[in-house]
Protein backbone atom coordinates (compact mmCIF):
# COMPACT_ATOMS: atom_id res chain seq x y z
CA MET A 1 -3.67 43.05 -1.10
CA VAL A 2 -4.16 45.91 1.35
CA ALA A 3 -2.35 45.91 4.59
CA VAL A 4 -4.83 46.61 7.14
CA ASP A 5 -2.95 47.16 10.33
CA GLY A 6 -1.15 50.47 10.49
CA CYS A 7 -2.32 51.49 6.63
CA ALA A 8 -5.85 51.25 5.98
CA LEU A 9 -6.64 51.43 9.77
CA THR A 10 -4.19 52.76 11.92
CA GLU A 11 -6.63 53.11 15.14
CA GLY A 12 -8.21 50.21 17.45
CA VAL A 13 -7.99 46.80 17.02
CA LYS A 14 -7.59 45.38 13.29
CA CYS A 15 -6.62 42.33 11.47
CA ASP A 16 -3.32 42.49 9.49
CA ASN A 17 -4.00 41.61 6.16
CA LEU A 18 -7.17 42.00 3.40
CA LEU A 19 -7.15 40.45 0.24
CA CYS A 20 -10.11 40.85 -2.41
CA SER A 21 -10.55 39.65 -5.66
CA ALA A 22 -10.42 41.78 -8.71
CA ASP A 23 -14.50 41.11 -9.61
CA GLU A 24 -14.73 42.55 -5.90
CA GLN A 25 -16.84 38.97 -4.99
CA GLU A 26 -14.91 38.16 -2.60
CA GLU A 27 -12.89 39.37 0.49
CA ARG A 28 -10.01 37.05 2.53
CA TYR A 29 -9.43 38.81 6.04
CA VAL A 30 -5.93 37.38 7.59
CA GLU A 31 -4.22 37.77 11.12
CA LEU A 32 -1.24 35.78 12.21
CA LYS A 33 -1.28 35.13 15.61
CA GLY A 34 1.26 33.30 18.26
CA GLN A 35 -1.31 31.94 20.67
CA ASN A 36 -3.94 34.38 21.59
CA ILE A 37 -6.78 33.62 19.45
CA LYS A 38 -9.64 35.32 21.00
CA HIS A 39 -7.91 38.58 20.57
CA ALA A 40 -7.24 37.29 16.73
CA ILE A 41 -11.12 36.66 16.13
CA GLU A 42 -11.84 39.98 17.44
CA GLN A 43 -9.46 41.91 15.05
CA LEU A 44 -11.08 40.37 12.16
CA ALA A 45 -14.54 40.93 13.65
CA THR A 46 -13.62 44.74 14.01
CA THR A 47 -11.78 44.79 10.61
CA ILE A 48 -14.91 43.48 8.90
CA VAL A 49 -17.39 45.74 10.22
CA LYS A 50 -14.94 48.74 9.52
CA LEU A 51 -13.98 47.63 6.18
CA GLY A 52 -16.31 44.99 4.86
CA GLU A 53 -18.20 45.52 1.61
CA PHE A 54 -20.81 43.44 -0.11
CA SER A 55 -19.49 40.39 -1.44
CA PHE A 56 -20.70 37.29 -2.37
CA ARG A 57 -17.77 35.52 -0.80
CA ARG A 58 -16.20 36.43 2.57
CA TYR A 59 -13.65 34.62 4.44
CA ALA A 60 -11.37 35.33 7.71
CA TYR A 61 -8.22 33.31 8.56
CA VAL A 62 -6.21 33.02 11.51
CA SER A 63 -3.01 31.26 11.42
CA CYS A 64 -1.56 30.46 14.75
CA THR A 65 1.49 29.07 16.05
CA LYS A 66 1.02 27.70 19.10
CA VAL A 67 -2.29 26.10 19.50
CA ALA A 68 -4.29 23.05 18.40
CA PRO A 69 -7.53 24.99 17.63
CA GLN A 70 -9.78 22.25 16.41
CA ILE A 71 -10.53 21.38 20.07
CA ARG A 72 -11.20 24.43 21.35
CA THR A 73 -15.04 25.16 22.19
CA ASP A 74 -14.55 29.26 21.68
CA ILE A 75 -13.28 28.76 18.46
CA GLN A 76 -16.16 26.57 17.52
CA ALA A 77 -18.48 29.15 18.85
CA ALA A 78 -16.77 31.94 17.01
CA LEU A 79 -16.94 29.51 13.22
CA LEU A 80 -21.00 29.98 14.05
CA ARG A 81 -21.08 33.41 14.82
CA PHE A 82 -18.62 34.76 11.95
CA LYS A 83 -21.17 32.92 9.56
CA LYS A 84 -24.55 34.42 11.16
CA ASP A 85 -23.19 37.65 11.78
CA PHE A 86 -21.05 38.33 8.78
CA ASN A 87 -21.57 36.01 6.36
CA ALA A 88 -18.00 34.88 6.62
CA THR A 89 -16.27 31.38 6.70
CA LEU A 90 -13.54 31.40 9.73
CA LEU A 91 -10.49 29.41 9.31
CA VAL A 92 -8.42 29.05 12.65
CA LYS A 93 -5.33 26.50 12.18
CA THR A 94 -1.92 25.94 13.05
CA SER A 95 0.67 27.54 10.40
CA PRO A 96 1.03 27.45 7.69
CA ILE A 97 -2.79 27.70 6.15
CA GLU A 98 -2.78 26.91 2.42
CA VAL A 99 -5.80 28.17 0.66
CA ASN A 100 -6.49 27.99 -3.49
CA LEU A 101 -7.53 30.89 -4.33
């Protein structure tokens, strides 16, 4: 796991953490948020641009505590944008998010 915020990147907007698989074929970007999901998505996108490398699978997660994200159209648009622009699957859910690695 790479601590992005304050370590790998020290300036500008950035997500909290990045997890890479041992074979470097998978990247997972993580942002923990209260409710500002729009900013969280911006942080993930910026980090992918700055740190992203070629990988077969790329995932981005926003774990939020105060929003019901599945009903927001701006989030649905971001899901499509991440797939198109970053070849990434974006998941925005209320905490906790459980993922099988």
